[in-house]
Amino acid sequence: MQRLKVNAYEVALVYKMGALDRVLTQGKYWIGWGKEVEVYSTTLPFMPKGNIDILLKEDQLKGLLDVIEIKDNELGFQYKNRNFYAVLGPGQYVYWKECNEFVFDIYDLNDNEVPAKIQRKILHHRQVLPYLKVQVVESYEKGLLFVDGKFDKPIGPGVYYFWKNDKAIAVLKTDLRKQMLEVSGQELLTKDKAAIRLNFYANYQITDLEKAIVETKDFAKQLYIQLQLALRAYVGTQTLDMLLANKEAIAPFVIDQVKTKAEAMGVVLHSAGIRDIILPGEVKEIMNQVLVAEKKAQANVIMRREETASTRSLLNTAKLMEDNDMLYRLKEMEFIGSIAENIETISLNNGGGVIDELKGFFGAQKR
């Protein structure tokens, strides 16, 4: 016989011939020869040397233990004093009830989405992150959730956490802000067979993400083609002169033609316009010649108008002077003054009749 003392917070397992014979708690005991004893601290997890499933068949021992079983498709979160302590993967975890300070939450990984009750601080813990897929949808975006390649549901702005499991999780995100689509360098023929190049733009916004992403393949490319076709339809009915004179009418026509088709793709057109109309070199030269000729003609008209006005003014002045001697003398003096401004010196050749000579030099008397 041998003496055995089991202290507080200890449990002793007595084996006979390799099989569990007795379970001893705090106290003093006599143990017969040929028996083996294993002493365990109840403050630590129970990790026996033998097969734990066999040991748990003993009712007394099973009553002293808390057994936590986590299946292959589950994940356990262990908390101590209400604080996160550890992540428990699939397996069996055994603790002594006497000193078990832990609380456990077990989650089914087949649920895909992480429960909202789990604090974000815990989700970003270094032990937890390897088990998560994180998707971020910005405030100006909207997302579509796909599970195993199948559309599941739309999701709004926010941070989304998914369990890493055997399912493929994907989030397609699209910008919901107004965007610009440019149709540039389009070579088109007008009604009178003039070749031009057009640069056109359109502002659009996605309003129905399911139509734009799920039901439509590459909606931006399809919208581009619809704008291109509408431009061709309009330009083909206009001569070059009509097109240049009414280029503001292009955008309303294109929007009206494309609006319904765009809405069917989950897109709304807000505005559009012509950025540039580029003419071929020879057409540019002809247009410049026409413009120069028009400006010259306008200048000639203005010159003739001014000459006519000047002649009419001279005629009116002559009629007034003919009827008024004083006005004639004033005009004569004005004329003499304008001549005198350009004369630097005056030479006199005789000593008398200076005044008469000056009168004869500067002008004749009115007859």
Protein backbone atom coordinates (compact mmCIF):
# COMPACT_ATOMS: atom_id res chain seq x y z
CA MET A 1 0.00 0.00 0.00
CA GLN A 2 1.10 3.57 -0.63
CA ARG A 3 -0.12 6.83 0.84
CA LEU A 4 -1.58 9.48 -1.53
CA LYS A 5 -2.50 13.03 -0.66
CA VAL A 6 -4.70 15.00 -3.12
CA ASN A 7 -4.49 18.75 -2.48
CA ALA A 8 -7.07 21.41 -3.12
CA TYR A 9 -7.62 22.17 -6.81
CA GLU A 10 -6.32 18.72 -7.74
CA VAL A 11 -7.89 15.49 -9.04
CA ALA A 12 -6.13 12.14 -9.10
CA LEU A 13 -6.88 9.32 -11.54
CA VAL A 14 -6.00 5.83 -10.39
CA TYR A 15 -5.36 3.21 -13.06
CA LYS A 16 -5.35 -0.55 -12.64
CA MET A 17 -4.01 -2.66 -15.44
CA GLY A 18 -4.17 0.39 -17.74
CA ALA A 19 -7.88 0.99 -17.08
CA LEU A 20 -9.34 3.82 -14.98
CA ASP A 21 -10.14 2.47 -11.53
CA ARG A 22 -10.91 5.42 -9.28
CA VAL A 23 -11.26 9.22 -9.40
CA LEU A 24 -9.99 10.96 -6.26
CA THR A 25 -10.65 14.54 -5.21
CA GLN A 26 -9.13 16.49 -2.26
CA GLY A 27 -8.13 14.20 0.65
CA LYS A 28 -5.79 11.41 1.82
CA TYR A 29 -5.97 7.90 0.39
CA TRP A 30 -4.29 4.49 0.51
CA ILE A 31 -3.42 3.10 -2.90
CA GLY A 32 -2.69 -0.59 -3.41
CA TRP A 33 0.49 -1.76 -5.05
CA GLY A 34 0.45 -2.22 -8.81
CA LYS A 35 -1.77 0.79 -9.44
CA GLU A 36 -0.73 3.93 -11.28
CA VAL A 37 -1.75 7.44 -10.23
CA GLU A 38 -1.96 10.60 -12.33
CA VAL A 39 -2.58 13.92 -10.57
CA TYR A 40 -4.03 16.88 -12.49
CA SER A 41 -4.38 20.52 -11.52
CA THR A 42 -7.98 21.72 -11.93
CA THR A 43 -6.68 25.21 -12.80
CA LEU A 44 -5.37 23.89 -16.13
CA PRO A 45 -7.12 22.27 -19.12
CA PHE A 46 -7.51 18.52 -18.75
CA MET A 47 -5.02 16.82 -21.09
CA PRO A 48 -4.70 13.14 -20.12
CA LYS A 49 -2.19 10.70 -21.52
CA GLY A 50 -4.83 8.14 -22.47
CA ASN A 51 -7.80 8.24 -24.79
CA ILE A 52 -10.05 10.99 -23.50
CA ASP A 53 -13.19 9.51 -25.07
CA ILE A 54 -12.72 6.32 -23.03
CA LEU A 55 -12.09 8.30 -19.83
CA LEU A 56 -15.26 10.33 -20.31
CA LYS A 57 -17.32 7.15 -20.09
CA GLU A 58 -16.61 7.19 -16.36
CA ASP A 59 -19.56 9.12 -14.91
CA GLN A 60 -17.74 10.55 -11.88
CA LEU A 61 -14.95 11.98 -14.03
CA LYS A 62 -17.38 13.26 -16.65
CA GLY A 63 -19.28 15.11 -13.92
CA LEU A 64 -16.13 17.02 -12.98
CA LEU A 65 -15.42 18.22 -16.52
CA ASP A 66 -16.75 20.68 -19.10
CA VAL A 67 -16.33 19.27 -22.60
CA ILE A 68 -16.33 21.70 -25.55
CA GLU A 69 -16.63 20.02 -28.95
CA ILE A 70 -16.04 22.05 -32.11
CA LYS A 71 -16.92 20.38 -35.42
CA ASP A 72 -15.08 20.70 -38.72
CA ASN A 73 -17.46 23.39 -39.99
CA GLU A 74 -17.32 25.41 -36.75
CA LEU A 75 -15.08 27.92 -35.04
CA GLY A 76 -14.94 28.67 -31.33
CA PHE A 77 -14.22 31.96 -29.58
CA GLN A 78 -12.94 31.61 -26.02
CA TYR A 79 -13.51 34.41 -23.51
CA LYS A 80 -11.99 34.91 -20.08
CA ASN A 81 -13.48 37.49 -17.71
CA ARG A 82 -15.60 38.72 -20.63
CA ASN A 83 -12.47 39.48 -22.69
CA PHE A 84 -11.46 37.66 -25.85
CA TYR A 85 -8.89 35.01 -25.07
CA ALA A 86 -8.34 32.65 -28.01
CA VAL A 87 -9.71 31.05 -31.19
CA LEU A 88 -10.49 27.36 -31.03
CA GLY A 89 -10.43 25.34 -34.22
CA PRO A 90 -12.16 21.96 -34.77
CA GLY A 91 -11.50 19.54 -31.94
CA GLN A 92 -12.37 18.61 -28.34
CA TYR A 93 -11.44 20.88 -25.42
CA VAL A 94 -11.84 19.72 -21.82
CA TYR A 95 -11.72 21.91 -18.69
CA TRP A 96 -12.30 21.22 -14.99
CA LYS A 97 -15.62 22.66 -13.86
CA GLU A 98 -14.20 23.69 -10.51
CA CYS A 99 -11.88 26.35 -11.98
CA ASN A 100 -13.26 26.89 -15.46
CA GLU A 101 -13.24 30.67 -15.99
CA PHE A 102 -13.93 30.47 -19.71
CA VAL A 103 -17.01 31.22 -21.78
CA PHE A 104 -17.32 29.86 -25.29
CA ASP A 105 -19.17 31.00 -28.43
CA ILE A 106 -19.31 28.54 -31.30
CA TYR A 107 -20.13 29.73 -34.83
CA ASP A 108 -21.20 27.77 -37.88
CA LEU A 109 -18.88 28.63 -40.77
CA ASN A 110 -21.52 27.54 -43.30
CA ASP A 111 -23.47 30.72 -42.49
CA ASN A 112 -21.02 32.69 -44.69
CA GLU A 113 -21.56 36.07 -43.00
CA VAL A 114 -19.99 36.74 -39.62
CA PRO A 115 -22.67 37.57 -36.98
CA ALA A 116 -23.04 41.27 -36.31
CA LYS A 117 -22.88 40.73 -32.54
CA ILE A 118 -19.11 40.04 -32.69
CA GLN A 119 -17.22 43.22 -31.92
CA ARG A 120 -15.06 44.64 -34.71
CA LYS A 121 -12.10 44.82 -32.33
CA ILE A 122 -12.27 41.03 -31.95
CA LEU A 123 -12.62 40.51 -35.71
CA HIS A 124 -9.38 42.42 -36.28
CA HIS A 125 -7.50 40.35 -33.70
CA ARG A 126 -4.47 38.61 -35.20
CA GLN A 127 -5.86 35.19 -34.22
CA VAL A 128 -9.23 35.83 -35.89
CA LEU A 129 -8.26 37.54 -39.17
CA PRO A 130 -6.92 34.33 -40.81
CA TYR A 131 -10.46 32.91 -40.63
CA LEU A 132 -12.12 35.92 -42.29
CA LYS A 133 -12.69 37.47 -45.71
CA VAL A 134 -13.14 41.24 -45.48
CA GLN A 135 -14.91 43.33 -48.13
CA VAL A 136 -15.23 47.13 -48.05
CA VAL A 137 -17.92 49.04 -49.98
CA GLU A 138 -17.23 52.79 -50.03
CA SER A 139 -19.88 55.45 -49.36
CA TYR A 140 -20.16 56.24 -53.09
CA GLU A 141 -20.40 52.58 -54.11
CA LYS A 142 -22.89 49.76 -54.12
CA GLY A 143 -21.97 46.09 -54.19
CA LEU A 144 -23.42 42.80 -55.35
CA LEU A 145 -22.72 39.69 -53.28
CA PHE A 146 -22.07 36.44 -55.16
CA VAL A 147 -21.83 33.05 -53.45
CA ASP A 148 -20.37 30.20 -55.49
CA GLY A 149 -20.82 32.30 -58.62
CA LYS A 150 -24.53 32.95 -57.98
CA PHE A 151 -25.96 36.37 -57.26
CA ASP A 152 -27.11 36.49 -53.64
CA LYS A 153 -28.11 40.07 -52.77
CA PRO A 154 -27.12 43.75 -53.15
CA ILE A 155 -25.15 45.36 -50.33
CA GLY A 156 -24.72 49.01 -49.47
CA PRO A 157 -21.72 50.99 -48.14
CA GLY A 158 -19.92 49.42 -45.19
CA VAL A 159 -17.38 46.80 -44.07
CA TYR A 160 -18.49 43.19 -44.48
CA TYR A 161 -16.96 40.12 -42.83
CA PHE A 162 -17.35 36.59 -44.21
CA TRP A 163 -16.08 33.29 -42.85
CA LYS A 164 -13.41 31.53 -44.86
CA ASN A 165 -15.12 28.31 -45.80
CA ASP A 166 -15.48 26.06 -48.84
CA LYS A 167 -17.75 28.59 -50.58
CA ALA A 168 -16.47 31.19 -53.05
CA ILE A 169 -17.44 34.67 -51.84
CA ALA A 170 -17.15 37.63 -54.22
CA VAL A 171 -18.37 41.23 -54.08
CA LEU A 172 -18.65 43.24 -57.29
CA LYS A 173 -18.61 46.98 -56.59
CA THR A 174 -19.64 49.85 -58.84
CA ASP A 175 -19.21 53.60 -58.49
CA LEU A 176 -22.63 55.27 -58.18
CA ARG A 177 -21.31 58.79 -58.80
CA LYS A 178 -21.86 60.63 -62.08
CA GLN A 179 -19.30 59.52 -64.64
CA MET A 180 -18.20 60.68 -68.08
CA LEU A 181 -18.06 58.54 -71.19
CA GLU A 182 -16.19 60.03 -74.15
CA VAL A 183 -16.87 59.02 -77.75
CA SER A 184 -13.81 60.46 -79.47
CA GLY A 185 -12.42 60.48 -82.99
CA GLN A 186 -15.62 59.33 -84.70
CA GLU A 187 -15.24 59.60 -88.48
CA LEU A 188 -18.67 60.35 -89.93
CA LEU A 189 -20.16 61.31 -93.32
CA THR A 190 -22.66 64.14 -93.59
CA LYS A 191 -25.60 64.11 -95.95
CA ASP A 192 -23.52 65.94 -98.59
CA LYS A 193 -20.69 63.37 -98.21
CA ALA A 194 -18.35 65.60 -96.20
CA ALA A 195 -16.06 63.55 -93.97
CA ILE A 196 -15.75 64.93 -90.44
CA ARG A 197 -14.49 63.74 -87.08
CA LEU A 198 -16.52 64.22 -83.91
CA ASN A 199 -15.54 64.19 -80.23
CA PHE A 200 -18.63 63.65 -78.09
CA TYR A 201 -19.13 63.16 -74.35
CA ALA A 202 -21.99 62.00 -72.12
CA ASN A 203 -22.49 62.15 -68.35
CA TYR A 204 -24.21 59.07 -66.94
CA GLN A 205 -24.99 57.46 -63.59
CA ILE A 206 -25.81 53.89 -62.60
CA THR A 207 -29.22 53.68 -60.94
CA ASP A 208 -29.92 49.93 -61.03
CA LEU A 209 -26.85 47.87 -60.20
CA GLU A 210 -28.49 44.51 -60.90
CA LYS A 211 -29.44 45.52 -64.44
CA ALA A 212 -26.04 47.08 -65.10
CA ILE A 213 -23.89 44.26 -63.71
CA VAL A 214 -25.95 41.06 -63.54
CA GLU A 215 -28.26 41.41 -66.54
CA THR A 216 -25.92 43.36 -68.85
CA LYS A 217 -22.46 42.38 -69.98
CA ASP A 218 -20.09 45.38 -70.06
CA PHE A 219 -22.75 48.08 -69.88
CA ALA A 220 -20.19 50.86 -70.49
CA LYS A 221 -19.20 49.36 -73.85
CA GLN A 222 -22.83 48.90 -74.86
CA LEU A 223 -23.63 52.49 -73.87
CA TYR A 224 -20.65 53.67 -75.96
CA ILE A 225 -21.99 51.81 -79.02
CA GLN A 226 -25.49 53.25 -78.57
CA LEU A 227 -24.07 56.78 -78.43
CA GLN A 228 -21.98 56.07 -81.51
CA LEU A 229 -24.98 54.82 -83.50
CA ALA A 230 -27.10 57.82 -82.47
CA LEU A 231 -24.35 60.19 -83.63
CA ARG A 232 -24.15 58.45 -87.00
CA ALA A 233 -27.94 58.60 -87.38
CA TYR A 234 -27.99 62.36 -86.76
CA VAL A 235 -24.95 63.39 -88.80
CA GLY A 236 -26.11 61.29 -91.77
CA THR A 237 -29.25 63.44 -92.11
CA GLN A 238 -27.45 66.81 -91.98
CA THR A 239 -25.38 68.68 -94.55
CA LEU A 240 -22.09 70.13 -93.37
CA ASP A 241 -23.51 73.66 -93.25
CA MET A 242 -26.61 72.47 -91.36
CA LEU A 243 -24.44 70.53 -88.91
CA LEU A 244 -22.17 73.47 -88.16
CA ALA A 245 -25.11 75.86 -87.86
CA ASN A 246 -27.13 73.58 -85.53
CA LYS A 247 -24.49 71.64 -83.60
CA GLU A 248 -26.29 72.43 -80.31
CA ALA A 249 -29.13 70.17 -81.48
CA ILE A 250 -26.90 67.07 -81.59
CA ALA A 251 -26.85 66.41 -77.83
CA PRO A 252 -30.66 66.51 -77.28
CA PHE A 253 -31.16 64.19 -80.26
CA VAL A 254 -28.58 61.67 -78.97
CA ILE A 255 -29.97 61.70 -75.41
CA ASP A 256 -33.49 61.17 -76.72
CA GLN A 257 -32.35 58.25 -78.89
CA VAL A 258 -30.26 56.52 -76.20
CA LYS A 259 -32.27 57.31 -73.05
CA THR A 260 -34.61 54.30 -73.16
CA LYS A 261 -31.85 51.83 -74.05
CA ALA A 262 -29.67 53.20 -71.24
CA GLU A 263 -32.46 52.83 -68.67
CA ALA A 264 -32.88 49.19 -69.73
CA MET A 265 -29.22 48.71 -68.71
CA GLY A 266 -29.77 50.42 -65.34
CA VAL A 267 -28.12 53.69 -66.45
CA VAL A 268 -29.53 57.21 -66.72
CA LEU A 269 -28.05 59.89 -69.00
CA HIS A 270 -27.81 63.33 -67.37
CA SER A 271 -26.20 65.42 -70.09
CA ALA A 272 -24.19 65.24 -73.30
CA GLY A 273 -22.46 67.54 -75.75
CA ILE A 274 -20.10 68.04 -78.65
CA ARG A 275 -16.52 68.68 -77.63
CA ASP A 276 -15.03 69.15 -81.12
CA ILE A 277 -15.97 68.98 -84.79
CA ILE A 278 -12.79 68.39 -86.81
CA LEU A 279 -12.87 69.10 -90.54
CA PRO A 280 -10.47 67.66 -93.19
CA GLY A 281 -7.60 69.90 -94.29
CA GLU A 282 -9.07 70.80 -97.72
CA VAL A 283 -12.46 71.58 -96.20
CA LYS A 284 -10.80 73.78 -93.61
CA GLU A 285 -9.00 75.69 -96.36
CA ILE A 286 -12.23 76.23 -98.30
CA MET A 287 -14.04 77.33 -95.15
CA ASN A 288 -11.26 79.80 -94.40
CA GLN A 289 -11.46 81.20 -97.93
CA VAL A 290 -15.22 81.58 -97.60
CA LEU A 291 -14.78 83.28 -94.26
CA VAL A 292 -12.15 85.69 -95.65
CA ALA A 293 -14.41 86.50 -98.63
CA GLU A 294 -17.36 87.14 -96.32
CA LYS A 295 -15.30 89.43 -94.11
CA LYS A 296 -13.97 91.33 -97.12
CA ALA A 297 -17.50 91.78 -98.45
CA GLN A 298 -18.61 93.04 -95.04
CA ALA A 299 -15.66 95.45 -94.97
CA ASN A 300 -16.51 96.77 -98.45
CA VAL A 301 -20.11 97.33 -97.44
CA ILE A 302 -18.98 99.28 -94.37
CA MET A 303 -16.52 101.38 -96.46
CA ARG A 304 -19.21 102.22 -99.04
CA ARG A 305 -21.60 103.13 -96.28
CA GLU A 306 -19.03 105.47 -94.71
CA GLU A 307 -18.12 107.05 -98.07
CA THR A 308 -21.80 107.68 -98.79
CA ALA A 309 -22.29 109.27 -95.39
CA SER A 310 -19.20 111.45 -95.87
CA THR A 311 -20.32 112.62 -99.34
CA ARG A 312 -23.79 113.39 -98.00
CA SER A 313 -22.23 115.44 -95.20
CA LEU A 314 -20.06 117.43 -97.67
CA LEU A 315 -23.08 118.12 -99.84
CA ASN A 316 -25.05 119.44 -96.88
CA THR A 317 -22.12 121.62 -95.82
CA ALA A 318 -21.77 123.08 -99.36
CA LYS A 319 -25.47 123.97 -99.45
CA LEU A 320 -25.19 125.79 -96.14
CA MET A 321 -22.10 127.74 -97.23
CA GLU A 322 -23.79 128.76 -100.48
CA ASP A 323 -26.57 130.46 -98.53
CA ASN A 324 -24.42 131.95 -95.72
CA ASP A 325 -21.34 134.21 -96.43
CA MET A 326 -20.21 134.12 -92.82
CA LEU A 327 -20.15 130.31 -92.79
CA TYR A 328 -18.16 130.43 -96.04
CA ARG A 329 -15.58 132.77 -94.52
CA LEU A 330 -15.29 130.56 -91.40
CA LYS A 331 -14.73 127.49 -93.56
CA GLU A 332 -12.16 129.45 -95.63
CA MET A 333 -10.31 130.44 -92.48
CA GLU A 334 -10.37 126.86 -91.23
CA PHE A 335 -8.90 125.71 -94.57
CA ILE A 336 -6.18 128.39 -94.45
CA GLY A 337 -5.33 127.40 -90.86
CA SER A 338 -4.91 123.75 -91.82
CA ILE A 339 -2.55 124.79 -94.64
CA ALA A 340 -0.57 127.12 -92.39
CA GLU A 341 0.07 124.29 -89.92
CA ASN A 342 2.21 122.56 -92.60
CA ILE A 343 4.21 125.71 -93.61
CA GLU A 344 7.48 126.27 -91.80
CA THR A 345 8.65 129.58 -93.49
CA ILE A 346 7.17 132.26 -95.79
CA SER A 347 9.50 134.31 -98.15
CA LEU A 348 8.48 137.84 -99.30
CA ASN A 349 10.09 139.29 -102.49
CA ASN A 350 8.90 142.95 -102.46
CA GLY A 351 8.37 145.52 -99.84
CA GLY A 352 4.74 146.38 -100.43
CA GLY A 353 1.40 144.73 -100.88
CA VAL A 354 2.19 141.92 -98.43
CA ILE A 355 -1.38 141.51 -97.30
CA ASP A 356 -2.64 141.34 -100.89
CA GLU A 357 -0.01 138.74 -101.77
CA LEU A 358 -1.02 136.58 -98.79
CA LYS A 359 -4.65 136.80 -99.79
CA GLY A 360 -3.77 135.80 -103.31
CA PHE A 361 -1.54 133.00 -102.03
CA PHE A 362 -4.03 131.40 -99.59
CA GLY A 363 -7.12 131.53 -101.71
CA ALA A 364 -9.45 133.31 -104.02
CA GLN A 365 -12.43 135.43 -102.99
CA LYS A 366 -15.91 133.89 -103.22
CA ARG A 367 -17.46 134.67 -106.51
